[in-house]
């Protein structure tokens, strides 16, 4: 289980990326967001219901990216918001902590780091 701690949120270094095509992986995100600065962590929650039903592995349409520097996160947000990405339009914003989890976002499952690890059923 991965967690983004509260200090990452308070320094505005974690971005929420919405509008993801279901096939986008953490590698795809890293490749496109790394030009803005060093990335500490990427979490791409998977659709567990689809996985349980034997459907191909896919994400839930959003992800979180933590940058080392909040200025890099801000730069990425301003440049990538509304960008066309794998056929979807990204919605990029500063992530907010989950108040029910006391400032932490828990990611139970993530998409594989590369597409060759994705199942095709």
PDB file of N, CA and C in Angstrom:
ATOM      1  N   UNK A   1       0.843  -1.167   0.000  1.00  0.00           N
ATOM      2  CA  UNK A   1       0.000   0.000   0.000  1.00  0.00           C
ATOM      3  C   UNK A   1       0.892   1.235   0.000  1.00  0.00           C
ATOM      4  N   UNK A   2       0.625   2.171  -0.908  1.00  0.00           N
ATOM      5  CA  UNK A   2       1.385   3.407  -0.999  1.00  0.00           C
ATOM      6  C   UNK A   2       0.618   4.528  -0.335  1.00  0.00           C
ATOM      7  N   UNK A   3       1.357   5.464   0.220  1.00  0.00           N
ATOM      8  CA  UNK A   3       0.711   6.601   0.853  1.00  0.00           C
ATOM      9  C   UNK A   3       1.439   7.870   0.478  1.00  0.00           C
ATOM     10  N   UNK A   4       0.684   8.943   0.317  1.00  0.00           N
ATOM     11  CA  UNK A   4       1.243  10.261   0.198  1.00  0.00           C
ATOM     12  C   UNK A   4       1.035  10.901   1.558  1.00  0.00           C
ATOM     13  N   UNK A   5       2.114  11.320   2.201  1.00  0.00           N
ATOM     14  CA  UNK A   5       1.953  11.854   3.543  1.00  0.00           C
ATOM     15  C   UNK A   5       1.463  13.300   3.512  1.00  0.00           C
ATOM     16  N   UNK A   6       0.999  13.759   4.644  1.00  0.00           N
ATOM     17  CA  UNK A   6       0.372  15.069   4.763  1.00  0.00           C
ATOM     18  C   UNK A   6       1.325  16.194   4.377  1.00  0.00           C
ATOM     19  N   UNK A   7       2.617  16.050   4.639  1.00  0.00           N
ATOM     20  CA  UNK A   7       3.549  17.126   4.304  1.00  0.00           C
ATOM     21  C   UNK A   7       3.613  17.348   2.799  1.00  0.00           C
ATOM     22  N   UNK A   8       3.448  16.306   2.006  1.00  0.00           N
ATOM     23  CA  UNK A   8       3.433  16.475   0.556  1.00  0.00           C
ATOM     24  C   UNK A   8       2.258  17.327   0.128  1.00  0.00           C
ATOM     25  N   UNK A   9       1.116  17.120   0.760  1.00  0.00           N
ATOM     26  CA  UNK A   9      -0.062  17.896   0.405  1.00  0.00           C
ATOM     27  C   UNK A   9       0.084  19.338   0.858  1.00  0.00           C
ATOM     28  N   UNK A  10       0.607  19.560   2.058  1.00  0.00           N
ATOM     29  CA  UNK A  10       0.696  20.920   2.567  1.00  0.00           C
ATOM     30  C   UNK A  10       1.699  21.750   1.786  1.00  0.00           C
ATOM     31  N   UNK A  11       2.696  21.120   1.187  1.00  0.00           N
ATOM     32  CA  UNK A  11       3.627  21.896   0.373  1.00  0.00           C
ATOM     33  C   UNK A  11       3.205  21.924  -1.101  1.00  0.00           C
ATOM     34  N   UNK A  12       2.016  21.417  -1.406  1.00  0.00           N
ATOM     35  CA  UNK A  12       1.437  21.455  -2.748  1.00  0.00           C
ATOM     36  C   UNK A  12       2.305  20.783  -3.804  1.00  0.00           C
ATOM     37  N   UNK A  13       2.917  19.668  -3.455  1.00  0.00           N
ATOM     38  CA  UNK A  13       3.772  18.959  -4.390  1.00  0.00           C
ATOM     39  C   UNK A  13       3.081  17.773  -5.044  1.00  0.00           C
ATOM     40  N   UNK A  14       1.845  17.463  -4.650  1.00  0.00           N
ATOM     41  CA  UNK A  14       1.118  16.320  -5.220  1.00  0.00           C
ATOM     42  C   UNK A  14       0.022  16.832  -6.153  1.00  0.00           C
ATOM     43  N   UNK A  15       0.035  16.305  -7.373  1.00  0.00           N
ATOM     44  CA  UNK A  15      -0.987  16.661  -8.355  1.00  0.00           C
ATOM     45  C   UNK A  15      -1.978  15.518  -8.503  1.00  0.00           C
ATOM     46  N   UNK A  16      -3.239  15.869  -8.718  1.00  0.00           N
ATOM     47  CA  UNK A  16      -4.261  14.891  -9.087  1.00  0.00           C
ATOM     48  C   UNK A  16      -4.459  15.042 -10.581  1.00  0.00           C
ATOM     49  N   UNK A  17      -4.315  13.941 -11.292  1.00  0.00           N
ATOM     50  CA  UNK A  17      -4.448  13.930 -12.741  1.00  0.00           C
ATOM     51  C   UNK A  17      -5.730  13.183 -13.079  1.00  0.00           C
ATOM     52  N   UNK A  18      -6.710  13.866 -13.606  1.00  0.00           N
ATOM     53  CA  UNK A  18      -7.973  13.250 -13.998  1.00  0.00           C
ATOM     54  C   UNK A  18      -8.095  13.194 -15.512  1.00  0.00           C
ATOM     55  N   UNK A  19      -9.094  12.480 -15.987  1.00  0.00           N
ATOM     56  CA  UNK A  19      -9.348  12.378 -17.414  1.00  0.00           C
ATOM     57  C   UNK A  19      -8.448  11.386 -18.130  1.00  0.00           C
ATOM     58  N   UNK A  20      -7.882  10.428 -17.379  1.00  0.00           N
ATOM     59  CA  UNK A  20      -6.970   9.462 -17.989  1.00  0.00           C
ATOM     60  C   UNK A  20      -7.718   8.416 -18.804  1.00  0.00           C
ATOM     61  N   UNK A  21      -7.174   8.093 -19.967  1.00  0.00           N
ATOM     62  CA  UNK A  21      -7.665   6.957 -20.728  1.00  0.00           C
ATOM     63  C   UNK A  21      -7.381   5.710 -19.903  1.00  0.00           C
ATOM     64  N   UNK A  22      -8.201   4.704 -19.995  1.00  0.00           N
ATOM     65  CA  UNK A  22      -8.086   3.515 -19.147  1.00  0.00           C
ATOM     66  C   UNK A  22      -6.788   2.744 -19.327  1.00  0.00           C
ATOM     67  N   UNK A  23      -6.086   2.930 -20.424  1.00  0.00           N
ATOM     68  CA  UNK A  23      -4.855   2.178 -20.669  1.00  0.00           C
ATOM     69  C   UNK A  23      -3.586   2.895 -20.198  1.00  0.00           C
ATOM     70  N   UNK A  24      -3.696   4.113 -19.691  1.00  0.00           N
ATOM     71  CA  UNK A  24      -2.518   4.879 -19.271  1.00  0.00           C
ATOM     72  C   UNK A  24      -1.858   4.214 -18.064  1.00  0.00           C
ATOM     73  N   UNK A  25      -0.518   4.110 -18.116  1.00  0.00           N
ATOM     74  CA  UNK A  25       0.259   3.501 -17.036  1.00  0.00           C
ATOM     75  C   UNK A  25       1.097   4.562 -16.325  1.00  0.00           C
ATOM     76  N   UNK A  26       1.708   4.155 -15.219  1.00  0.00           N
ATOM     77  CA  UNK A  26       2.584   5.069 -14.494  1.00  0.00           C
ATOM     78  C   UNK A  26       3.789   5.458 -15.357  1.00  0.00           C
ATOM     79  N   UNK A  27       4.266   4.550 -16.200  1.00  0.00           N
ATOM     80  CA  UNK A  27       5.375   4.889 -17.099  1.00  0.00           C
ATOM     81  C   UNK A  27       4.977   5.978 -18.088  1.00  0.00           C
ATOM     82  N   UNK A  28       3.754   5.897 -18.618  1.00  0.00           N
ATOM     83  CA  UNK A  28       3.277   6.931 -19.531  1.00  0.00           C
ATOM     84  C   UNK A  28       3.263   8.292 -18.843  1.00  0.00           C
ATOM     85  N   UNK A  29       2.771   8.308 -17.612  1.00  0.00           N
ATOM     86  CA  UNK A  29       2.716   9.565 -16.858  1.00  0.00           C
ATOM     87  C   UNK A  29       4.124  10.081 -16.556  1.00  0.00           C
ATOM     88  N   UNK A  30       4.992   9.190 -16.091  1.00  0.00           N
ATOM     89  CA  UNK A  30       6.369   9.600 -15.779  1.00  0.00           C
ATOM     90  C   UNK A  30       7.031  10.214 -17.023  1.00  0.00           C
ATOM     91  N   UNK A  31       6.919   9.559 -18.154  1.00  0.00           N
ATOM     92  CA  UNK A  31       7.552  10.048 -19.381  1.00  0.00           C
ATOM     93  C   UNK A  31       7.084  11.450 -19.761  1.00  0.00           C
ATOM     94  N   UNK A  32       5.834  11.761 -19.471  1.00  0.00           N
ATOM     95  CA  UNK A  32       5.280  13.049 -19.878  1.00  0.00           C
ATOM     96  C   UNK A  32       5.359  14.131 -18.810  1.00  0.00           C
ATOM     97  N   UNK A  33       5.549  13.747 -17.550  1.00  0.00           N
ATOM     98  CA  UNK A  33       5.629  14.740 -16.479  1.00  0.00           C
ATOM     99  C   UNK A  33       7.059  14.980 -15.979  1.00  0.00           C
ATOM    100  N   UNK A  34       7.988  14.085 -16.253  1.00  0.00           N
ATOM    101  CA  UNK A  34       9.367  14.229 -15.777  1.00  0.00           C
ATOM    102  C   UNK A  34      10.054  15.485 -16.334  1.00  0.00           C
ATOM    103  N   UNK A  35       9.701  15.974 -17.526  1.00  0.00           N
ATOM    104  CA  UNK A  35      10.350  17.206 -17.990  1.00  0.00           C
ATOM    105  C   UNK A  35      10.137  18.405 -17.059  1.00  0.00           C
ATOM    106  N   UNK A  36       9.131  18.354 -16.209  1.00  0.00           N
ATOM    107  CA  UNK A  36       8.836  19.477 -15.314  1.00  0.00           C
ATOM    108  C   UNK A  36       9.656  19.436 -14.031  1.00  0.00           C
ATOM    109  N   UNK A  37      10.269  18.306 -13.724  1.00  0.00           N
ATOM    110  CA  UNK A  37      11.095  18.202 -12.530  1.00  0.00           C
ATOM    111  C   UNK A  37      11.080  16.800 -11.959  1.00  0.00           C
ATOM    112  N   UNK A  38      11.967  16.565 -10.965  1.00  0.00           N
ATOM    113  CA  UNK A  38      12.054  15.229 -10.352  1.00  0.00           C
ATOM    114  C   UNK A  38      10.727  14.793  -9.712  1.00  0.00           C
ATOM    115  N   UNK A  39      10.357  13.556 -10.000  1.00  0.00           N
ATOM    116  CA  UNK A  39       9.127  12.972  -9.467  1.00  0.00           C
ATOM    117  C   UNK A  39       9.487  12.002  -8.355  1.00  0.00           C
ATOM    118  N   UNK A  40       8.792  12.129  -7.237  1.00  0.00           N
ATOM    119  CA  UNK A  40       9.019  11.263  -6.088  1.00  0.00           C
ATOM    120  C   UNK A  40       8.181   9.995  -6.161  1.00  0.00           C
ATOM    121  N   UNK A  41       6.926  10.152  -6.592  1.00  0.00           N
ATOM    122  CA  UNK A  41       5.998   9.020  -6.552  1.00  0.00           C
ATOM    123  C   UNK A  41       4.873   9.226  -7.561  1.00  0.00           C
ATOM    124  N   UNK A  42       4.428   8.123  -8.130  1.00  0.00           N
ATOM    125  CA  UNK A  42       3.252   8.126  -9.006  1.00  0.00           C
ATOM    126  C   UNK A  42       2.344   6.992  -8.559  1.00  0.00           C
ATOM    127  N   UNK A  43       1.078   7.284  -8.398  1.00  0.00           N
ATOM    128  CA  UNK A  43       0.093   6.259  -8.044  1.00  0.00           C
ATOM    129  C   UNK A  43      -1.055   6.315  -9.043  1.00  0.00           C
ATOM    130  N   UNK A  44      -1.341   5.162  -9.644  1.00  0.00           N
ATOM    131  CA  UNK A  44      -2.424   5.042 -10.616  1.00  0.00           C
ATOM    132  C   UNK A  44      -3.360   3.939 -10.118  1.00  0.00           C
ATOM    133  N   UNK A  45      -4.422   4.299  -9.395  1.00  0.00           N
ATOM    134  CA  UNK A  45      -5.338   3.267  -8.892  1.00  0.00           C
ATOM    135  C   UNK A  45      -5.988   2.487 -10.030  1.00  0.00           C
ATOM    136  N   UNK A  46      -6.117   1.186  -9.835  1.00  0.00           N
ATOM    137  CA  UNK A  46      -6.744   0.349 -10.857  1.00  0.00           C
ATOM    138  C   UNK A  46      -8.212   0.101 -10.516  1.00  0.00           C
ATOM    139  N   UNK A  47      -8.952  -0.266 -11.529  1.00  0.00           N
ATOM    140  CA  UNK A  47     -10.369  -0.588 -11.389  1.00  0.00           C
ATOM    141  C   UNK A  47     -10.470  -2.028 -10.901  1.00  0.00           C
ATOM    142  N   UNK A  48     -10.617  -2.185  -9.599  1.00  0.00           N
ATOM    143  CA  UNK A  48     -10.654  -3.527  -9.010  1.00  0.00           C
ATOM    144  C   UNK A  48     -11.884  -4.325  -9.431  1.00  0.00           C
ATOM    145  N   UNK A  49     -13.013  -3.638  -9.601  1.00  0.00           N
ATOM    146  CA  UNK A  49     -14.236  -4.346  -9.996  1.00  0.00           C
ATOM    147  C   UNK A  49     -14.062  -4.982 -11.371  1.00  0.00           C
ATOM    148  N   UNK A  50     -13.517  -4.231 -12.313  1.00  0.00           N
ATOM    149  CA  UNK A  50     -13.292  -4.777 -13.655  1.00  0.00           C
ATOM    150  C   UNK A  50     -12.306  -5.936 -13.597  1.00  0.00           C
ATOM    151  N   UNK A  51     -11.283  -5.796 -12.764  1.00  0.00           N
ATOM    152  CA  UNK A  51     -10.277  -6.852 -12.626  1.00  0.00           C
ATOM    153  C   UNK A  51     -10.924  -8.120 -12.069  1.00  0.00           C
ATOM    154  N   UNK A  52     -11.794  -7.979 -11.069  1.00  0.00           N
ATOM    155  CA  UNK A  52     -12.468  -9.138 -10.470  1.00  0.00           C
ATOM    156  C   UNK A  52     -13.399  -9.821 -11.459  1.00  0.00           C
ATOM    157  N   UNK A  53     -13.931  -9.031 -12.388  1.00  0.00           N
ATOM    158  CA  UNK A  53     -14.835  -9.594 -13.382  1.00  0.00           C
ATOM    159  C   UNK A  53     -14.079 -10.189 -14.562  1.00  0.00           C
ATOM    160  N   UNK A  54     -12.746 -10.237 -14.476  1.00  0.00           N
ATOM    161  CA  UNK A  54     -11.930 -10.836 -15.525  1.00  0.00           C
ATOM    162  C   UNK A  54     -11.682  -9.946 -16.720  1.00  0.00           C
ATOM    163  N   UNK A  55     -12.020  -8.678 -16.613  1.00  0.00           N
ATOM    164  CA  UNK A  55     -11.767  -7.749 -17.704  1.00  0.00           C
ATOM    165  C   UNK A  55     -10.292  -7.353 -17.698  1.00  0.00           C
ATOM    166  N   UNK A  56      -9.794  -6.834 -18.816  1.00  0.00           N
ATOM    167  CA  UNK A  56      -8.399  -6.385 -18.865  1.00  0.00           C
ATOM    168  C   UNK A  56      -8.125  -5.325 -17.800  1.00  0.00           C
ATOM    169  N   UNK A  57      -6.912  -5.322 -17.299  1.00  0.00           N
ATOM    170  CA  UNK A  57      -6.494  -4.370 -16.280  1.00  0.00           C
ATOM    171  C   UNK A  57      -6.573  -2.950 -16.819  1.00  0.00           C
ATOM    172  N   UNK A  58      -7.222  -2.066 -16.074  1.00  0.00           N
ATOM    173  CA  UNK A  58      -7.300  -0.671 -16.482  1.00  0.00           C
ATOM    174  C   UNK A  58      -7.328   0.223 -15.248  1.00  0.00           C
ATOM    175  N   UNK A  59      -6.939   1.470 -15.446  1.00  0.00           N
ATOM    176  CA  UNK A  59      -6.941   2.411 -14.325  1.00  0.00           C
ATOM    177  C   UNK A  59      -8.345   2.951 -14.091  1.00  0.00           C
ATOM    178  N   UNK A  60      -8.497   3.718 -13.018  1.00  0.00           N
ATOM    179  CA  UNK A  60      -9.805   4.263 -12.648  1.00  0.00           C
ATOM    180  C   UNK A  60     -10.039   5.659 -13.196  1.00  0.00           C
ATOM    181  N   UNK A  61      -9.165   6.111 -14.085  1.00  0.00           N
ATOM    182  CA  UNK A  61      -9.367   7.408 -14.733  1.00  0.00           C
ATOM    183  C   UNK A  61      -8.668   8.574 -14.060  1.00  0.00           C
ATOM    184  N   UNK A  62      -7.902   8.285 -13.013  1.00  0.00           N
ATOM    185  CA  UNK A  62      -7.158   9.356 -12.353  1.00  0.00           C
ATOM    186  C   UNK A  62      -5.873   8.788 -11.767  1.00  0.00           C
ATOM    187  N   UNK A  63      -4.974   9.703 -11.400  1.00  0.00           N
ATOM    188  CA  UNK A  63      -3.692   9.315 -10.818  1.00  0.00           C
ATOM    189  C   UNK A  63      -3.201  10.456  -9.935  1.00  0.00           C
ATOM    190  N   UNK A  64      -2.151  10.163  -9.165  1.00  0.00           N
ATOM    191  CA  UNK A  64      -1.495  11.162  -8.336  1.00  0.00           C
ATOM    192  C   UNK A  64      -0.013  11.145  -8.660  1.00  0.00           C
ATOM    193  N   UNK A  65       0.569  12.335  -8.793  1.00  0.00           N
ATOM    194  CA  UNK A  65       2.001  12.463  -9.036  1.00  0.00           C
ATOM    195  C   UNK A  65       2.569  13.410  -7.987  1.00  0.00           C
ATOM    196  N   UNK A  66       3.601  12.938  -7.288  1.00  0.00           N
ATOM    197  CA  UNK A  66       4.270  13.776  -6.297  1.00  0.00           C
ATOM    198  C   UNK A  66       5.615  14.241  -6.850  1.00  0.00           C
ATOM    199  N   UNK A  67       5.809  15.549  -6.880  1.00  0.00           N
ATOM    200  CA  UNK A  67       7.071  16.146  -7.296  1.00  0.00           C
ATOM    201  C   UNK A  67       7.904  16.469  -6.062  1.00  0.00           C
ATOM    202  N   UNK A  68       9.221  16.495  -6.231  1.00  0.00           N
ATOM    203  CA  UNK A  68      10.096  16.881  -5.125  1.00  0.00           C
ATOM    204  C   UNK A  68       9.905  18.352  -4.772  1.00  0.00           C
ATOM    205  N   UNK A  69       9.654  19.169  -5.773  1.00  0.00           N
ATOM    206  CA  UNK A  69       9.561  20.618  -5.581  1.00  0.00           C
ATOM    207  C   UNK A  69       8.157  21.103  -5.943  1.00  0.00           C
ATOM    208  N   UNK A  70       7.505  21.835  -5.041  1.00  0.00           N
ATOM    209  CA  UNK A  70       6.163  22.336  -5.337  1.00  0.00           C
ATOM    210  C   UNK A  70       6.116  23.248  -6.564  1.00  0.00           C
ATOM    211  N   UNK A  71       7.202  23.972  -6.828  1.00  0.00           N
ATOM    212  CA  UNK A  71       7.225  24.834  -8.018  1.00  0.00           C
ATOM    213  C   UNK A  71       7.163  24.000  -9.295  1.00  0.00           C
ATOM    214  N   UNK A  72       7.806  22.833  -9.285  1.00  0.00           N
ATOM    215  CA  UNK A  72       7.739  21.930 -10.432  1.00  0.00           C
ATOM    216  C   UNK A  72       6.316  21.407 -10.616  1.00  0.00           C
ATOM    217  N   UNK A  73       5.657  21.080  -9.517  1.00  0.00           N
ATOM    218  CA  UNK A  73       4.262  20.614  -9.586  1.00  0.00           C
ATOM    219  C   UNK A  73       3.370  21.702 -10.162  1.00  0.00           C
ATOM    220  N   UNK A  74       3.585  22.934  -9.724  1.00  0.00           N
ATOM    221  CA  UNK A  74       2.795  24.060 -10.229  1.00  0.00           C
ATOM    222  C   UNK A  74       3.027  24.254 -11.725  1.00  0.00           C
ATOM    223  N   UNK A  75       4.274  24.168 -12.147  1.00  0.00           N
ATOM    224  CA  UNK A  75       4.622  24.310 -13.563  1.00  0.00           C
ATOM    225  C   UNK A  75       3.970  23.194 -14.391  1.00  0.00           C
ATOM    226  N   UNK A  76       4.025  21.962 -13.889  1.00  0.00           N
ATOM    227  CA  UNK A  76       3.405  20.832 -14.581  1.00  0.00           C
ATOM    228  C   UNK A  76       1.898  21.026 -14.681  1.00  0.00           C
ATOM    229  N   UNK A  77       1.281  21.476 -13.593  1.00  0.00           N
ATOM    230  CA  UNK A  77      -0.164  21.685 -13.587  1.00  0.00           C
ATOM    231  C   UNK A  77      -0.559  22.723 -14.642  1.00  0.00           C
ATOM    232  N   UNK A  78       0.158  23.829 -14.674  1.00  0.00           N
ATOM    233  CA  UNK A  78      -0.182  24.902 -15.617  1.00  0.00           C
ATOM    234  C   UNK A  78       0.028  24.485 -17.064  1.00  0.00           C
ATOM    235  N   UNK A  79       0.992  23.608 -17.309  1.00  0.00           N
ATOM    236  CA  UNK A  79       1.293  23.201 -18.678  1.00  0.00           C
ATOM    237  C   UNK A  79       0.518  21.977 -19.155  1.00  0.00           C
ATOM    238  N   UNK A  80       0.130  21.107 -18.245  1.00  0.00           N
ATOM    239  CA  UNK A  80      -0.520  19.855 -18.648  1.00  0.00           C
ATOM    240  C   UNK A  80      -2.039  19.866 -18.490  1.00  0.00           C
ATOM    241  N   UNK A  81      -2.583  20.822 -17.750  1.00  0.00           N
ATOM    242  CA  UNK A  81      -4.040  20.887 -17.614  1.00  0.00           C
ATOM    243  C   UNK A  81      -4.653  21.150 -18.991  1.00  0.00           C
ATOM    244  N   UNK A  82      -5.677  20.419 -19.324  1.00  0.00           N
ATOM    245  CA  UNK A  82      -6.386  20.492 -20.606  1.00  0.00           C
ATOM    246  C   UNK A  82      -5.578  19.937 -21.780  1.00  0.00           C
ATOM    247  N   UNK A  83      -4.473  19.239 -21.507  1.00  0.00           N
ATOM    248  CA  UNK A  83      -3.682  18.647 -22.578  1.00  0.00           C
ATOM    249  C   UNK A  83      -4.352  17.375 -23.091  1.00  0.00           C
ATOM    250  N   UNK A  84      -4.206  17.123 -24.383  1.00  0.00           N
ATOM    251  CA  UNK A  84      -4.677  15.879 -24.982  1.00  0.00           C
ATOM    252  C   UNK A  84      -3.652  14.802 -24.654  1.00  0.00           C
ATOM    253  N   UNK A  85      -4.097  13.712 -24.023  1.00  0.00           N
ATOM    254  CA  UNK A  85      -3.177  12.682 -23.543  1.00  0.00           C
ATOM    255  C   UNK A  85      -3.812  11.321 -23.766  1.00  0.00           C
ATOM    256  N   UNK A  86      -3.289  10.546 -24.693  1.00  0.00           N
ATOM    257  CA  UNK A  86      -3.805   9.211 -25.019  1.00  0.00           C
ATOM    258  C   UNK A  86      -5.301   9.248 -25.335  1.00  0.00           C
ATOM    259  N   UNK A  87      -5.727  10.291 -26.005  1.00  0.00           N
ATOM    260  CA  UNK A  87      -7.125  10.399 -26.411  1.00  0.00           C
ATOM    261  C   UNK A  87      -8.047  10.982 -25.367  1.00  0.00           C
ATOM    262  N   UNK A  88      -7.525  11.368 -24.213  1.00  0.00           N
ATOM    263  CA  UNK A  88      -8.339  12.008 -23.180  1.00  0.00           C
ATOM    264  C   UNK A  88      -7.802  13.408 -22.901  1.00  0.00           C
ATOM    265  N   UNK A  89      -8.615  14.239 -22.312  1.00  0.00           N
ATOM    266  CA  UNK A  89      -8.200  15.590 -21.925  1.00  0.00           C
ATOM    267  C   UNK A  89      -7.888  15.568 -20.434  1.00  0.00           C
ATOM    268  N   UNK A  90      -6.635  15.886 -20.095  1.00  0.00           N
ATOM    269  CA  UNK A  90      -6.220  15.856 -18.690  1.00  0.00           C
ATOM    270  C   UNK A  90      -6.822  17.006 -17.896  1.00  0.00           C
ATOM    271  N   UNK A  91      -7.176  16.692 -16.670  1.00  0.00           N
ATOM    272  CA  UNK A  91      -7.596  17.694 -15.685  1.00  0.00           C
ATOM    273  C   UNK A  91      -6.585  17.596 -14.547  1.00  0.00           C
ATOM    274  N   UNK A  92      -5.700  18.581 -14.467  1.00  0.00           N
ATOM    275  CA  UNK A  92      -4.598  18.549 -13.512  1.00  0.00           C
ATOM    276  C   UNK A  92      -4.821  19.618 -12.456  1.00  0.00           C
ATOM    277  N   UNK A  93      -4.759  19.200 -11.194  1.00  0.00           N
ATOM    278  CA  UNK A  93      -4.941  20.136 -10.085  1.00  0.00           C
ATOM    279  C   UNK A  93      -4.083  19.705  -8.903  1.00  0.00           C
ATOM    280  N   UNK A  94      -3.898  20.630  -7.972  1.00  0.00           N
ATOM    281  CA  UNK A  94      -3.200  20.294  -6.739  1.00  0.00           C
ATOM    282  C   UNK A  94      -4.098  19.343  -5.960  1.00  0.00           C
ATOM    283  N   UNK A  95      -3.549  18.208  -5.532  1.00  0.00           N
ATOM    284  CA  UNK A  95      -4.332  17.210  -4.791  1.00  0.00           C
ATOM    285  C   UNK A  95      -4.612  17.708  -3.382  1.00  0.00           C
ATOM    286  N   UNK A  96      -5.736  17.301  -2.882  1.00  0.00           N
ATOM    287  CA  UNK A  96      -6.126  17.624  -1.513  1.00  0.00           C
ATOM    288  C   UNK A  96      -6.110  16.346  -0.685  1.00  0.00           C
ATOM    289  N   UNK A  97      -5.654  16.438   0.574  1.00  0.00           N
ATOM    290  CA  UNK A  97      -5.638  15.222   1.398  1.00  0.00           C
ATOM    291  C   UNK A  97      -7.047  14.733   1.677  1.00  0.00           C
ATOM    292  N   UNK A  98      -7.167  13.440   1.879  1.00  0.00           N
ATOM    293  CA  UNK A  98      -8.433  12.828   2.229  1.00  0.00           C
ATOM    294  C   UNK A  98      -8.638  13.019   3.723  1.00  0.00           C
ATOM    295  N   UNK A  99      -9.593  13.855   4.101  1.00  0.00           N
ATOM    296  CA  UNK A  99      -9.791  14.184   5.515  1.00  0.00           C
ATOM    297  C   UNK A  99     -10.163  12.954   6.341  1.00  0.00           C
ATOM    298  N   UNK A 100     -10.767  11.961   5.727  1.00  0.00           N
ATOM    299  CA  UNK A 100     -11.124  10.757   6.456  1.00  0.00           C
ATOM    300  C   UNK A 100      -9.908   9.906   6.769  1.00  0.00           C
ATOM    301  N   UNK A 101      -8.823  10.129   6.039  1.00  0.00           N
ATOM    302  CA  UNK A 101      -7.607   9.353   6.266  1.00  0.00           C
ATOM    303  C   UNK A 101      -6.506  10.227   6.858  1.00  0.00           C
ATOM    304  N   UNK A 102      -6.893  11.348   7.452  1.00  0.00           N
ATOM    305  CA  UNK A 102      -5.964  12.236   8.158  1.00  0.00           C
ATOM    306  C   UNK A 102      -4.779  12.641   7.288  1.00  0.00           C
ATOM    307  N   UNK A 103      -5.084  13.169   6.103  1.00  0.00           N
ATOM    308  CA  UNK A 103      -4.038  13.708   5.262  1.00  0.00           C
ATOM    309  C   UNK A 103      -3.307  12.696   4.411  1.00  0.00           C
ATOM    310  N   UNK A 104      -3.777  11.466   4.364  1.00  0.00           N
ATOM    311  CA  UNK A 104      -3.098  10.465   3.555  1.00  0.00           C
ATOM    312  C   UNK A 104      -4.034   9.959   2.472  1.00  0.00           C
ATOM    313  N   UNK A 105      -3.429   9.616   1.359  1.00  0.00           N
ATOM    314  CA  UNK A 105      -4.169   8.965   0.290  1.00  0.00           C
ATOM    315  C   UNK A 105      -3.607   7.565   0.169  1.00  0.00           C
ATOM    316  N   UNK A 106      -4.414   6.565   0.411  1.00  0.00           N
ATOM    317  CA  UNK A 106      -3.960   5.183   0.321  1.00  0.00           C
ATOM    318  C   UNK A 106      -4.276   4.641  -1.060  1.00  0.00           C
ATOM    319  N   UNK A 107      -3.286   4.035  -1.676  1.00  0.00           N
ATOM    320  CA  UNK A 107      -3.461   3.387  -2.963  1.00  0.00           C
ATOM    321  C   UNK A 107      -3.271   1.892  -2.736  1.00  0.00           C
ATOM    322  N   UNK A 108      -4.348   1.139  -2.866  1.00  0.00           N
ATOM    323  CA  UNK A 108      -4.277  -0.298  -2.615  1.00  0.00           C
ATOM    324  C   UNK A 108      -3.628  -1.009  -3.785  1.00  0.00           C
ATOM    325  N   UNK A 109      -4.017  -0.678  -4.982  1.00  0.00           N
ATOM    326  CA  UNK A 109      -3.458  -1.295  -6.188  1.00  0.00           C
ATOM    327  C   UNK A 109      -3.049  -0.207  -7.155  1.00  0.00           C
ATOM    328  N   UNK A 110      -2.027  -0.475  -7.938  1.00  0.00           N
ATOM    329  CA  UNK A 110      -1.585   0.449  -8.959  1.00  0.00           C
ATOM    330  C   UNK A 110      -1.506  -0.284 -10.277  1.00  0.00           C
ATOM    331  N   UNK A 111      -1.537   0.489 -11.367  1.00  0.00           N
ATOM    332  CA  UNK A 111      -1.343  -0.141 -12.661  1.00  0.00           C
ATOM    333  C   UNK A 111       0.103  -0.573 -12.756  1.00  0.00           C
ATOM    334  N   UNK A 112       0.380  -1.592 -13.541  1.00  0.00           N
ATOM    335  CA  UNK A 112       1.769  -2.017 -13.728  1.00  0.00           C
ATOM    336  C   UNK A 112       2.590  -0.877 -14.308  1.00  0.00           C
ATOM    337  N   UNK A 113       3.891  -0.939 -14.103  1.00  0.00           N
ATOM    338  CA  UNK A 113       4.753   0.140 -14.570  1.00  0.00           C
ATOM    339  C   UNK A 113       4.959   0.136 -16.067  1.00  0.00           C
ATOM    340  N   UNK A 114       4.670  -0.957 -16.724  1.00  0.00           N
ATOM    341  CA  UNK A 114       4.744  -0.928 -18.177  1.00  0.00           C
ATOM    342  C   UNK A 114       3.627  -1.773 -18.761  1.00  0.00           C
ATOM    343  N   UNK A 115       3.329  -1.493 -20.006  1.00  0.00           N
ATOM    344  CA  UNK A 115       2.166  -2.118 -20.623  1.00  0.00           C
ATOM    345  C   UNK A 115       2.325  -3.607 -20.842  1.00  0.00           C
ATOM    346  N   UNK A 116       3.552  -4.094 -20.888  1.00  0.00           N
ATOM    347  CA  UNK A 116       3.746  -5.523 -21.096  1.00  0.00           C
ATOM    348  C   UNK A 116       3.284  -6.340 -19.899  1.00  0.00           C
ATOM    349  N   UNK A 117       3.151  -5.677 -18.739  1.00  0.00           N
ATOM    350  CA  UNK A 117       2.684  -6.367 -17.543  1.00  0.00           C
ATOM    351  C   UNK A 117       1.159  -6.414 -17.455  1.00  0.00           C
ATOM    352  N   UNK A 118       0.463  -5.686 -18.357  1.00  0.00           N
ATOM    353  CA  UNK A 118      -0.996  -5.660 -18.302  1.00  0.00           C
ATOM    354  C   UNK A 118      -1.551  -6.938 -18.900  1.00  0.00           C
ATOM    355  N   UNK A 119      -2.591  -7.473 -18.277  1.00  0.00           N
ATOM    356  CA  UNK A 119      -3.223  -8.704 -18.738  1.00  0.00           C
ATOM    357  C   UNK A 119      -4.138  -8.433 -19.912  1.00  0.00           C
ATOM    358  N   UNK A 120      -4.200  -9.331 -20.834  1.00  0.00           N
ATOM    359  CA  UNK A 120      -5.167  -9.298 -21.923  1.00  0.00           C
ATOM    360  C   UNK A 120      -6.001 -10.547 -21.844  1.00  0.00           C
ATOM    361  N   UNK A 121      -7.171 -10.446 -21.249  1.00  0.00           N
ATOM    362  CA  UNK A 121      -8.084 -11.608 -21.145  1.00  0.00           C
ATOM    363  C   UNK A 121      -9.104 -11.578 -22.248  1.00  0.00           C
TER     364      UNK A 121
END
